[in-house]
N, C-alpha and C. Protein backbone atom coordinates (compact mmCIF):
# COMPACT_ATOMS: atom_id res chain seq x y z
N UNK A 1 98.13 176.34 140.70
CA UNK A 1 96.88 176.34 141.46
C UNK A 1 96.38 174.91 141.67
N UNK A 2 96.20 174.50 142.90
CA UNK A 2 95.67 173.17 143.21
C UNK A 2 94.16 173.12 143.03
N UNK A 3 93.65 172.00 142.53
CA UNK A 3 92.22 171.82 142.33
C UNK A 3 91.90 170.33 142.46
N UNK A 4 90.61 170.03 142.60
CA UNK A 4 90.10 168.68 142.58
C UNK A 4 89.40 168.48 141.25
N UNK A 5 89.62 167.30 140.62
CA UNK A 5 88.85 166.95 139.46
C UNK A 5 87.70 166.00 139.84
N UNK A 6 86.51 166.33 139.42
CA UNK A 6 85.34 165.52 139.68
C UNK A 6 84.86 164.98 138.33
N UNK A 7 85.11 163.70 138.11
CA UNK A 7 84.74 163.07 136.84
C UNK A 7 83.43 162.31 137.00
N UNK A 8 82.43 162.70 136.22
CA UNK A 8 81.08 162.07 136.28
C UNK A 8 81.06 160.95 135.25
N UNK A 9 80.98 159.71 135.75
CA UNK A 9 80.99 158.52 134.89
C UNK A 9 79.98 157.52 135.39
N UNK A 10 78.76 157.97 135.60
CA UNK A 10 77.73 157.06 136.18
C UNK A 10 76.58 156.79 135.23
N UNK A 11 76.80 157.04 133.91
CA UNK A 11 75.75 156.84 132.94
C UNK A 11 75.51 155.34 132.64
N UNK A 12 74.46 155.13 131.82
CA UNK A 12 74.10 153.74 131.46
C UNK A 12 74.45 153.38 130.02
N UNK A 13 74.86 154.38 129.22
CA UNK A 13 75.26 154.10 127.84
C UNK A 13 74.09 153.82 126.92
N UNK A 14 72.91 154.36 127.23
CA UNK A 14 71.73 154.06 126.38
C UNK A 14 71.91 154.50 124.95
N UNK A 15 72.35 155.75 124.77
CA UNK A 15 72.51 156.30 123.42
C UNK A 15 73.62 155.62 122.65
N UNK A 16 74.60 155.04 123.34
CA UNK A 16 75.65 154.34 122.68
C UNK A 16 75.24 152.90 122.30
N UNK A 17 74.11 152.45 122.84
CA UNK A 17 73.58 151.10 122.52
C UNK A 17 74.52 150.01 122.85
N UNK A 18 75.22 150.18 123.98
CA UNK A 18 76.22 149.22 124.40
C UNK A 18 75.66 148.22 125.39
N UNK A 19 74.67 148.62 126.18
CA UNK A 19 74.15 147.75 127.22
C UNK A 19 74.97 147.87 128.50
N UNK A 20 75.92 148.77 128.52
CA UNK A 20 76.70 149.04 129.73
C UNK A 20 77.24 150.49 129.66
N UNK A 21 77.81 150.94 130.75
CA UNK A 21 78.31 152.29 130.87
C UNK A 21 79.36 152.56 129.80
N UNK A 22 79.13 153.61 128.95
CA UNK A 22 80.08 153.84 127.83
C UNK A 22 81.46 154.26 128.34
N UNK A 23 81.58 154.69 129.59
CA UNK A 23 82.90 155.11 130.11
C UNK A 23 83.86 153.91 130.14
N UNK A 24 83.30 152.67 130.07
CA UNK A 24 84.13 151.51 130.10
C UNK A 24 84.32 150.86 128.70
N UNK A 25 83.88 151.55 127.68
CA UNK A 25 84.19 151.12 126.32
C UNK A 25 85.69 151.30 126.12
N UNK A 26 86.29 150.38 125.39
CA UNK A 26 87.75 150.42 125.22
C UNK A 26 88.20 151.13 123.94
N UNK A 27 89.09 152.09 124.11
CA UNK A 27 89.80 152.75 123.01
C UNK A 27 91.23 152.41 123.14
N UNK A 28 91.82 151.81 122.11
CA UNK A 28 93.27 151.46 122.17
C UNK A 28 93.56 150.59 123.39
N UNK A 29 92.67 149.61 123.65
CA UNK A 29 92.81 148.62 124.73
C UNK A 29 92.67 149.23 126.14
N UNK A 30 92.33 150.47 126.24
CA UNK A 30 92.10 151.04 127.56
C UNK A 30 90.70 151.71 127.57
N UNK A 31 90.09 151.73 128.69
CA UNK A 31 88.73 152.28 128.76
C UNK A 31 88.74 153.78 128.55
N UNK A 32 87.60 154.30 128.06
CA UNK A 32 87.46 155.73 127.92
C UNK A 32 87.73 156.45 129.22
N UNK A 33 87.24 155.89 130.33
CA UNK A 33 87.43 156.50 131.61
C UNK A 33 88.89 156.57 131.99
N UNK A 34 89.70 155.55 131.67
CA UNK A 34 91.13 155.60 131.98
C UNK A 34 91.80 156.75 131.24
N UNK A 35 91.45 156.91 129.95
CA UNK A 35 92.02 158.02 129.22
C UNK A 35 91.65 159.35 129.85
N UNK A 36 90.42 159.46 130.31
CA UNK A 36 89.96 160.69 130.94
C UNK A 36 90.69 160.93 132.26
N UNK A 37 90.82 159.90 133.04
CA UNK A 37 91.49 160.00 134.33
C UNK A 37 92.93 160.48 134.16
N UNK A 38 93.62 159.96 133.14
CA UNK A 38 95.03 160.26 132.93
C UNK A 38 95.30 161.72 132.73
N UNK A 39 94.34 162.40 132.10
CA UNK A 39 94.46 163.85 131.88
C UNK A 39 94.77 164.55 133.18
N UNK A 40 94.07 164.18 134.21
CA UNK A 40 94.20 164.87 135.50
C UNK A 40 95.27 164.23 136.39
N UNK A 41 95.42 162.91 136.32
CA UNK A 41 96.44 162.25 137.12
C UNK A 41 97.88 162.67 136.69
N UNK A 42 97.97 163.08 135.45
CA UNK A 42 99.30 163.56 134.93
C UNK A 42 99.57 165.00 135.27
N UNK A 43 98.62 165.69 135.86
CA UNK A 43 98.77 167.09 136.21
C UNK A 43 99.11 167.22 137.69
N UNK A 44 100.32 167.70 138.01
CA UNK A 44 100.71 167.80 139.43
C UNK A 44 99.86 168.79 140.23
N UNK A 45 99.13 169.67 139.57
CA UNK A 45 98.28 170.63 140.26
C UNK A 45 96.95 170.02 140.71
N UNK A 46 96.67 168.83 140.18
CA UNK A 46 95.42 168.14 140.55
C UNK A 46 95.61 167.35 141.83
N UNK A 47 95.05 167.79 142.93
CA UNK A 47 95.30 167.15 144.23
C UNK A 47 94.53 165.86 144.40
N UNK A 48 93.40 165.70 143.71
CA UNK A 48 92.64 164.44 143.86
C UNK A 48 91.73 164.32 142.63
N UNK A 49 91.38 163.08 142.32
CA UNK A 49 90.45 162.81 141.23
C UNK A 49 89.28 162.01 141.80
N UNK A 50 88.13 162.68 141.93
CA UNK A 50 86.95 162.08 142.45
C UNK A 50 86.12 161.52 141.28
N UNK A 51 85.92 160.21 141.25
CA UNK A 51 85.20 159.59 140.13
C UNK A 51 83.86 159.07 140.60
N UNK A 52 82.82 159.62 140.02
CA UNK A 52 81.46 159.18 140.34
C UNK A 52 81.08 158.08 139.38
N UNK A 53 81.01 156.84 139.89
CA UNK A 53 80.73 155.67 139.06
C UNK A 53 80.36 154.48 139.89
N UNK A 54 80.09 153.38 139.26
CA UNK A 54 79.83 152.12 139.93
C UNK A 54 81.20 151.55 140.33
N UNK A 55 81.45 151.51 141.61
CA UNK A 55 82.79 151.08 142.10
C UNK A 55 83.13 149.64 141.70
N UNK A 56 82.09 148.80 141.72
CA UNK A 56 82.33 147.36 141.37
C UNK A 56 82.76 147.24 139.91
N UNK A 57 82.09 148.00 139.06
CA UNK A 57 82.41 147.94 137.63
C UNK A 57 83.80 148.53 137.40
N UNK A 58 84.09 149.61 138.12
CA UNK A 58 85.41 150.25 138.01
C UNK A 58 86.47 149.23 138.30
N UNK A 59 86.37 148.53 139.43
CA UNK A 59 87.40 147.57 139.83
C UNK A 59 87.46 146.38 138.90
N UNK A 60 86.33 146.03 138.25
CA UNK A 60 86.30 144.91 137.33
C UNK A 60 86.95 145.29 136.00
N UNK A 61 86.64 146.47 135.49
CA UNK A 61 87.08 146.90 134.17
C UNK A 61 88.47 147.57 134.21
N UNK A 62 88.83 148.13 135.38
CA UNK A 62 90.13 148.78 135.51
C UNK A 62 90.84 148.11 136.68
N UNK A 63 91.32 146.87 136.48
CA UNK A 63 91.92 146.15 137.58
C UNK A 63 93.26 146.72 137.97
N UNK A 64 93.68 146.37 139.19
CA UNK A 64 94.97 146.85 139.65
C UNK A 64 94.78 147.86 140.78
N UNK A 65 95.88 148.32 141.30
CA UNK A 65 95.86 149.26 142.43
C UNK A 65 95.33 150.61 142.00
N UNK A 66 94.36 151.11 142.77
CA UNK A 66 93.80 152.47 142.48
C UNK A 66 94.78 153.50 142.96
N UNK A 67 95.19 154.45 142.10
CA UNK A 67 96.14 155.47 142.53
C UNK A 67 95.64 156.21 143.77
N UNK A 68 96.56 156.65 144.61
CA UNK A 68 96.19 157.28 145.90
C UNK A 68 95.37 158.51 145.78
N UNK A 69 95.46 159.19 144.64
CA UNK A 69 94.71 160.45 144.46
C UNK A 69 93.28 160.21 143.95
N UNK A 70 92.94 158.94 143.71
CA UNK A 70 91.60 158.63 143.16
C UNK A 70 90.65 158.25 144.29
N UNK A 71 89.46 158.87 144.25
CA UNK A 71 88.42 158.56 145.22
C UNK A 71 87.17 158.12 144.45
N UNK A 72 86.60 156.96 144.74
CA UNK A 72 85.41 156.47 144.09
C UNK A 72 84.18 156.83 144.86
N UNK A 73 83.17 157.35 144.18
CA UNK A 73 81.89 157.76 144.78
C UNK A 73 80.76 157.19 143.95
N UNK A 74 79.71 156.73 144.63
CA UNK A 74 78.55 156.19 143.90
C UNK A 74 77.75 157.28 143.26
N UNK A 75 77.17 156.96 142.08
CA UNK A 75 76.35 157.90 141.38
C UNK A 75 74.92 157.98 141.92
N UNK A 76 74.16 158.95 141.40
CA UNK A 76 72.80 159.12 141.80
C UNK A 76 71.83 158.82 140.68
N UNK A 77 70.57 159.18 140.85
CA UNK A 77 69.56 158.89 139.85
C UNK A 77 69.59 159.88 138.72
N UNK A 78 70.34 160.96 138.88
CA UNK A 78 70.49 161.99 137.82
C UNK A 78 71.90 162.45 137.82
N UNK A 79 72.29 163.17 136.74
CA UNK A 79 73.66 163.72 136.72
C UNK A 79 73.84 164.70 137.82
N UNK A 80 72.82 165.50 138.09
CA UNK A 80 72.87 166.50 139.15
C UNK A 80 73.14 165.88 140.51
N UNK A 81 72.44 164.77 140.75
CA UNK A 81 72.61 164.06 142.02
C UNK A 81 74.03 163.42 142.09
N UNK A 82 74.51 162.96 140.97
CA UNK A 82 75.82 162.38 140.95
C UNK A 82 76.91 163.39 141.21
N UNK A 83 76.73 164.61 140.67
CA UNK A 83 77.72 165.66 140.94
C UNK A 83 77.65 166.02 142.41
N UNK A 84 76.47 166.12 142.98
CA UNK A 84 76.32 166.44 144.42
C UNK A 84 77.01 165.41 145.30
N UNK A 85 76.86 164.13 144.91
CA UNK A 85 77.55 163.03 145.65
C UNK A 85 79.07 163.23 145.58
N UNK A 86 79.53 163.56 144.40
CA UNK A 86 80.96 163.74 144.21
C UNK A 86 81.50 164.92 145.00
N UNK A 87 80.73 165.97 145.10
CA UNK A 87 81.18 167.15 145.83
C UNK A 87 81.38 166.87 147.30
N UNK A 88 80.68 165.90 147.83
CA UNK A 88 80.89 165.52 149.26
C UNK A 88 82.30 165.02 149.53
N UNK A 89 82.98 164.55 148.45
CA UNK A 89 84.32 164.00 148.62
C UNK A 89 85.40 165.00 148.20
N UNK A 90 85.02 166.13 147.67
CA UNK A 90 86.00 167.10 147.19
C UNK A 90 86.60 167.89 148.36
N UNK A 91 87.94 167.95 148.36
CA UNK A 91 88.63 168.61 149.47
C UNK A 91 89.23 169.96 149.07
N UNK A 92 89.41 170.20 147.81
CA UNK A 92 90.05 171.46 147.35
C UNK A 92 89.09 172.60 147.26
N UNK A 93 89.58 173.80 147.28
CA UNK A 93 88.77 175.02 147.20
C UNK A 93 88.21 175.25 145.78
N UNK A 94 88.84 174.62 144.81
CA UNK A 94 88.41 174.71 143.39
C UNK A 94 88.13 173.32 142.87
N UNK A 95 87.04 173.16 142.12
CA UNK A 95 86.72 171.84 141.58
C UNK A 95 86.46 171.99 140.06
N UNK A 96 87.03 171.07 139.31
CA UNK A 96 86.83 170.99 137.85
C UNK A 96 85.89 169.80 137.63
N UNK A 97 84.67 170.06 137.15
CA UNK A 97 83.73 168.98 136.87
C UNK A 97 83.84 168.58 135.40
N UNK A 98 84.10 167.31 135.17
CA UNK A 98 84.38 166.86 133.81
C UNK A 98 83.59 165.59 133.49
N UNK A 99 83.16 165.45 132.21
CA UNK A 99 82.47 164.26 131.73
C UNK A 99 83.42 163.09 131.60
N UNK A 100 83.01 161.97 132.16
CA UNK A 100 83.83 160.75 132.05
C UNK A 100 84.05 160.31 130.64
N UNK A 101 83.10 160.62 129.74
CA UNK A 101 83.18 160.23 128.35
C UNK A 101 83.72 161.34 127.46
N UNK A 102 84.56 162.21 128.03
CA UNK A 102 85.19 163.29 127.24
C UNK A 102 86.70 163.13 127.43
N UNK A 103 87.31 162.17 126.75
CA UNK A 103 88.69 161.80 127.01
C UNK A 103 89.74 162.57 126.20
N UNK A 104 89.36 163.59 125.45
CA UNK A 104 90.29 164.25 124.56
C UNK A 104 90.61 165.68 124.97
N UNK A 105 90.45 166.00 126.23
CA UNK A 105 90.81 167.33 126.76
C UNK A 105 92.32 167.54 126.60
N UNK A 106 92.66 168.65 126.00
CA UNK A 106 94.10 168.95 125.78
C UNK A 106 94.70 169.61 126.97
N UNK A 107 96.03 169.51 127.06
CA UNK A 107 96.73 170.18 128.14
C UNK A 107 96.58 171.70 128.07
N UNK A 108 96.52 172.20 126.82
CA UNK A 108 96.43 173.64 126.61
C UNK A 108 95.09 174.15 127.18
N UNK A 109 94.00 173.40 126.95
CA UNK A 109 92.67 173.82 127.47
C UNK A 109 92.66 173.73 128.99
N UNK A 110 93.26 172.68 129.53
CA UNK A 110 93.31 172.55 130.99
C UNK A 110 94.10 173.65 131.61
N UNK A 111 95.23 174.01 131.04
CA UNK A 111 96.06 175.09 131.56
C UNK A 111 95.30 176.41 131.49
N UNK A 112 94.55 176.65 130.41
CA UNK A 112 93.79 177.88 130.30
C UNK A 112 92.72 177.99 131.38
N UNK A 113 92.07 176.86 131.68
CA UNK A 113 91.06 176.84 132.79
C UNK A 113 91.74 177.13 134.11
N UNK A 114 92.86 176.54 134.36
CA UNK A 114 93.58 176.75 135.64
C UNK A 114 93.98 178.21 135.80
N UNK A 115 94.50 178.79 134.72
CA UNK A 115 94.91 180.19 134.78
C UNK A 115 93.67 181.08 135.04
N UNK A 116 92.58 180.78 134.40
CA UNK A 116 91.35 181.58 134.59
C UNK A 116 90.85 181.51 136.03
N UNK A 117 90.91 180.32 136.61
CA UNK A 117 90.37 180.13 137.96
C UNK A 117 91.29 180.73 139.02
N UNK A 118 92.42 181.28 138.64
CA UNK A 118 93.24 182.00 139.61
C UNK A 118 92.53 183.25 140.10
N UNK A 119 91.65 183.82 139.23
CA UNK A 119 90.97 185.09 139.59
C UNK A 119 89.42 185.03 139.52
N UNK A 120 88.88 183.98 138.95
CA UNK A 120 87.43 183.90 138.72
C UNK A 120 86.75 182.97 139.68
N UNK A 121 85.42 183.15 139.86
CA UNK A 121 84.64 182.22 140.67
C UNK A 121 84.22 180.99 139.92
N UNK A 122 84.09 181.12 138.63
CA UNK A 122 83.61 180.01 137.77
C UNK A 122 84.06 180.24 136.36
N UNK A 123 84.26 179.11 135.63
CA UNK A 123 84.67 179.18 134.25
C UNK A 123 84.16 177.97 133.47
N UNK A 124 83.99 178.14 132.15
CA UNK A 124 83.45 177.10 131.34
C UNK A 124 84.18 177.07 130.00
N UNK A 125 84.66 175.90 129.59
CA UNK A 125 85.20 175.74 128.24
C UNK A 125 84.04 175.80 127.27
N UNK A 126 84.23 176.58 126.18
CA UNK A 126 83.17 176.71 125.18
C UNK A 126 83.79 176.84 123.78
N UNK A 127 83.00 176.44 122.79
CA UNK A 127 83.42 176.63 121.40
C UNK A 127 82.28 177.26 120.61
N UNK A 128 82.61 178.03 119.60
CA UNK A 128 81.57 178.66 118.76
C UNK A 128 80.68 177.58 118.07
N UNK A 129 79.40 177.86 117.95
CA UNK A 129 78.49 176.95 117.23
C UNK A 129 78.73 177.10 115.75
N UNK A 130 78.94 176.00 115.05
CA UNK A 130 79.20 176.04 113.61
C UNK A 130 77.91 176.14 112.83
N UNK A 131 76.85 175.57 113.34
CA UNK A 131 75.59 175.52 112.60
C UNK A 131 74.69 176.71 112.94
N UNK A 132 73.77 177.02 112.03
CA UNK A 132 72.74 178.00 112.28
C UNK A 132 71.69 177.35 113.22
N UNK A 133 71.35 178.06 114.27
CA UNK A 133 70.43 177.53 115.28
C UNK A 133 69.05 178.15 115.14
N UNK A 134 67.99 177.32 115.01
CA UNK A 134 66.65 177.75 114.86
C UNK A 134 65.80 177.42 116.11
N UNK A 135 64.90 178.31 116.45
CA UNK A 135 63.88 178.01 117.45
C UNK A 135 62.67 177.46 116.75
N UNK A 136 62.22 176.24 117.16
CA UNK A 136 61.12 175.57 116.49
C UNK A 136 59.95 175.38 117.49
N UNK A 137 58.76 175.68 117.06
CA UNK A 137 57.57 175.48 117.84
C UNK A 137 56.51 174.83 116.99
N UNK A 138 55.95 173.71 117.43
CA UNK A 138 54.87 173.08 116.66
C UNK A 138 55.31 172.62 115.27
N UNK A 139 56.58 172.34 115.12
CA UNK A 139 57.05 171.84 113.83
C UNK A 139 57.41 172.93 112.83
N UNK A 140 57.38 174.22 113.31
CA UNK A 140 57.71 175.33 112.41
C UNK A 140 58.77 176.21 112.98
N UNK A 141 59.63 176.76 112.14
CA UNK A 141 60.68 177.67 112.59
C UNK A 141 60.00 178.98 112.95
N UNK A 142 60.31 179.48 114.17
CA UNK A 142 59.76 180.75 114.59
C UNK A 142 60.84 181.83 114.79
N UNK A 143 62.12 181.40 114.84
CA UNK A 143 63.16 182.39 115.08
C UNK A 143 64.52 181.80 114.73
N UNK A 144 65.41 182.62 114.21
CA UNK A 144 66.77 182.22 113.98
C UNK A 144 67.65 182.96 115.04
N UNK A 145 68.48 182.22 115.73
CA UNK A 145 69.34 182.77 116.75
C UNK A 145 70.57 183.34 116.10
N UNK A 146 70.97 184.56 116.51
CA UNK A 146 72.19 185.13 116.00
C UNK A 146 73.37 184.29 116.45
N UNK A 147 74.04 183.69 115.46
CA UNK A 147 75.09 182.74 115.74
C UNK A 147 76.28 183.33 116.53
N UNK A 148 76.55 184.60 116.33
CA UNK A 148 77.69 185.24 116.98
C UNK A 148 77.48 185.33 118.49
N UNK A 149 76.29 185.16 118.95
CA UNK A 149 75.99 185.30 120.41
C UNK A 149 75.94 184.00 121.16
N UNK A 150 76.09 182.87 120.47
CA UNK A 150 75.95 181.60 121.15
C UNK A 150 77.24 180.72 121.03
N UNK A 151 77.47 179.95 122.05
CA UNK A 151 78.58 179.01 122.06
C UNK A 151 78.11 177.70 122.64
N UNK A 152 78.82 176.63 122.30
CA UNK A 152 78.49 175.30 122.87
C UNK A 152 79.37 175.01 124.09
N UNK A 153 78.73 174.60 125.18
CA UNK A 153 79.43 174.35 126.43
C UNK A 153 80.13 172.98 126.38
N UNK A 154 81.32 172.92 126.95
CA UNK A 154 82.02 171.68 127.10
C UNK A 154 82.35 171.49 128.61
N UNK A 155 83.17 170.52 128.90
CA UNK A 155 83.71 170.37 130.25
C UNK A 155 85.24 170.19 130.08
N UNK A 156 86.01 170.51 131.14
CA UNK A 156 85.53 170.78 132.48
C UNK A 156 84.91 172.15 132.63
N UNK A 157 83.97 172.19 133.58
CA UNK A 157 83.44 173.44 134.06
C UNK A 157 83.97 173.61 135.49
N UNK A 158 84.53 174.76 135.75
CA UNK A 158 85.27 174.95 137.04
C UNK A 158 84.56 175.94 137.94
N UNK A 159 84.66 175.67 139.24
CA UNK A 159 83.96 176.50 140.23
C UNK A 159 84.73 176.59 141.52
N UNK A 160 84.57 177.68 142.24
CA UNK A 160 84.90 177.65 143.65
C UNK A 160 84.00 176.59 144.29
N UNK A 161 84.56 175.60 144.96
CA UNK A 161 83.78 174.48 145.46
C UNK A 161 82.61 174.94 146.31
N UNK A 162 82.84 175.90 147.19
CA UNK A 162 81.82 176.36 148.10
C UNK A 162 80.63 176.93 147.28
N UNK A 163 80.90 177.62 146.18
CA UNK A 163 79.85 178.18 145.36
C UNK A 163 78.99 177.04 144.72
N UNK A 164 79.64 176.05 144.14
CA UNK A 164 78.86 174.99 143.51
C UNK A 164 78.05 174.19 144.52
N UNK A 165 78.69 173.89 145.66
CA UNK A 165 77.95 173.14 146.72
C UNK A 165 76.71 173.89 147.13
N UNK A 166 76.84 175.22 147.34
CA UNK A 166 75.70 176.04 147.73
C UNK A 166 74.57 176.00 146.69
N UNK A 167 74.95 176.16 145.43
CA UNK A 167 73.93 176.18 144.37
C UNK A 167 73.29 174.80 144.18
N UNK A 168 74.08 173.74 144.34
CA UNK A 168 73.54 172.40 144.18
C UNK A 168 72.57 172.10 145.32
N UNK A 169 72.86 172.58 146.53
CA UNK A 169 71.97 172.35 147.67
C UNK A 169 70.63 173.04 147.39
N UNK A 170 70.65 174.28 146.87
CA UNK A 170 69.44 174.98 146.60
C UNK A 170 68.64 174.31 145.47
N UNK A 171 69.35 173.79 144.47
CA UNK A 171 68.68 173.11 143.36
C UNK A 171 67.98 171.86 143.86
N UNK A 172 68.61 171.13 144.77
CA UNK A 172 68.01 169.92 145.33
C UNK A 172 66.76 170.27 146.12
N UNK A 173 66.84 171.32 146.94
CA UNK A 173 65.69 171.69 147.77
C UNK A 173 64.51 172.16 146.93
N UNK A 174 64.81 172.81 145.80
CA UNK A 174 63.69 173.34 144.95
C UNK A 174 63.30 172.37 143.83
N UNK A 175 64.05 171.24 143.70
CA UNK A 175 63.73 170.30 142.65
C UNK A 175 64.08 170.86 141.29
N UNK A 176 65.08 171.73 141.20
CA UNK A 176 65.44 172.34 139.95
C UNK A 176 66.44 171.47 139.21
N UNK A 177 66.20 171.19 137.95
CA UNK A 177 67.10 170.36 137.11
C UNK A 177 67.74 171.24 136.06
N UNK A 178 69.03 171.43 136.15
CA UNK A 178 69.73 172.22 135.20
C UNK A 178 70.23 171.36 134.04
N UNK A 179 70.64 171.98 132.95
CA UNK A 179 71.14 171.23 131.81
C UNK A 179 72.62 170.91 131.94
N UNK A 180 73.33 171.70 132.73
CA UNK A 180 74.70 171.41 133.09
C UNK A 180 74.98 172.10 134.42
N UNK A 181 76.22 172.00 134.90
CA UNK A 181 76.58 172.57 136.21
C UNK A 181 76.54 174.07 136.17
N UNK A 182 76.98 174.66 135.05
CA UNK A 182 76.93 176.12 134.95
C UNK A 182 75.52 176.68 135.06
N UNK A 183 74.57 175.94 134.48
CA UNK A 183 73.17 176.39 134.51
C UNK A 183 72.65 176.45 135.95
N UNK A 184 73.14 175.57 136.82
CA UNK A 184 72.74 175.58 138.22
C UNK A 184 73.31 176.87 138.90
N UNK A 185 74.56 177.17 138.62
CA UNK A 185 75.20 178.35 139.22
C UNK A 185 74.54 179.61 138.65
N UNK A 186 74.18 179.61 137.36
CA UNK A 186 73.53 180.75 136.73
C UNK A 186 72.20 181.03 137.46
N UNK A 187 71.47 179.96 137.78
CA UNK A 187 70.13 180.10 138.30
C UNK A 187 70.11 180.51 139.80
N UNK A 188 71.12 180.01 140.55
CA UNK A 188 71.06 180.23 142.00
C UNK A 188 72.13 181.14 142.54
N UNK A 189 72.82 181.89 141.68
CA UNK A 189 73.81 182.84 142.19
C UNK A 189 73.96 183.96 141.18
N UNK A 190 74.68 184.97 141.62
CA UNK A 190 75.00 186.09 140.75
C UNK A 190 76.46 186.01 140.23
N UNK A 191 77.11 184.88 140.51
CA UNK A 191 78.48 184.71 140.08
C UNK A 191 78.62 184.77 138.55
N UNK A 192 79.66 185.48 138.12
CA UNK A 192 79.94 185.58 136.71
C UNK A 192 80.78 184.33 136.29
N UNK A 193 80.41 183.73 135.16
CA UNK A 193 81.09 182.55 134.69
C UNK A 193 81.93 182.94 133.47
N UNK A 194 83.23 182.89 133.65
CA UNK A 194 84.14 183.30 132.57
C UNK A 194 84.18 182.22 131.46
N UNK A 195 84.07 182.67 130.21
CA UNK A 195 84.16 181.79 129.05
C UNK A 195 85.64 181.57 128.70
N UNK A 196 86.05 180.33 128.54
CA UNK A 196 87.41 179.98 128.14
C UNK A 196 87.30 179.22 126.82
N UNK A 197 88.14 179.60 125.86
CA UNK A 197 88.08 179.00 124.56
C UNK A 197 88.44 177.54 124.62
N UNK A 198 87.53 176.68 124.15
CA UNK A 198 87.76 175.24 124.15
C UNK A 198 88.30 174.78 122.82
N UNK A 199 88.08 173.52 122.53
CA UNK A 199 88.55 172.90 121.27
C UNK A 199 87.53 171.95 120.77
N UNK A 200 87.31 171.92 119.44
CA UNK A 200 86.36 170.96 118.88
C UNK A 200 86.81 169.52 119.06
N UNK A 201 88.07 169.33 119.33
CA UNK A 201 88.59 167.98 119.59
C UNK A 201 88.19 167.45 120.98
N UNK A 202 87.75 168.35 121.83
CA UNK A 202 87.34 167.95 123.18
C UNK A 202 85.85 167.61 123.18
N UNK A 203 85.50 166.63 122.32
CA UNK A 203 84.10 166.26 122.24
C UNK A 203 83.76 165.12 123.17
N UNK A 204 82.45 165.02 123.46
CA UNK A 204 81.95 163.96 124.34
C UNK A 204 81.54 162.77 123.51
N UNK A 205 81.95 161.59 123.90
CA UNK A 205 81.52 160.37 123.23
C UNK A 205 80.10 160.04 123.70
N UNK A 206 79.12 160.19 122.82
CA UNK A 206 77.72 160.04 123.19
C UNK A 206 77.00 158.98 122.37
N UNK A 207 77.27 158.98 121.08
CA UNK A 207 76.64 157.99 120.18
C UNK A 207 77.68 157.16 119.43
N UNK A 208 77.27 156.05 118.83
CA UNK A 208 78.26 155.27 118.08
C UNK A 208 79.02 156.03 117.01
N UNK A 209 78.36 157.05 116.46
CA UNK A 209 79.00 157.84 115.40
C UNK A 209 80.21 158.61 115.91
N UNK A 210 80.17 158.93 117.22
CA UNK A 210 81.34 159.66 117.78
C UNK A 210 82.61 158.82 117.76
N UNK A 211 82.51 157.53 117.71
CA UNK A 211 83.70 156.65 117.68
C UNK A 211 84.33 156.59 116.30
N UNK A 212 83.66 157.17 115.32
CA UNK A 212 84.16 157.11 113.93
C UNK A 212 84.90 158.41 113.55
N UNK A 213 84.95 159.35 114.47
CA UNK A 213 85.63 160.64 114.17
C UNK A 213 87.13 160.45 113.98
């Protein structure tokens, strides 16, 4: 199944306390973004890799010839706007939206997502929550969520491109801000989003502590 990968790497790295986009932090002498890109560039089913980022910084930090399947797109003022910008460059009927700072996606998880999208409109990698989750109001616990009913969302999150574009357009018109791409589709469509088992190793690098794992 052919698909487009849309990698969102337009952040500022505030929580990492780097002073620059964390996607360009180096792991094993290569940037986090390069590791993330390679996951998709090594997959023959990936027809293109759309990267939403600062193109000048990309060329500075990742010198050399840009692979033919890579398309650079400028980011927006929010993640939602950045995804929308990237969707304008997507050519495939299916798009996998992935965090630029999530470089540890396994081939097994990617293959599971591809297989799922053969028959589904949307899919999301997820893992069970390990901790007990509490609802807190005014500094007091008011409810404990049944742990068996909740999972933590990861990326990639995959969609029929037309579906995600439609929902993103509606979100922009109404000023709706979702917490992730799936939440936009949940809010503006009746499409069912299939849960695909993810991996705890597929974590997002967000804070300095994540580099110590």
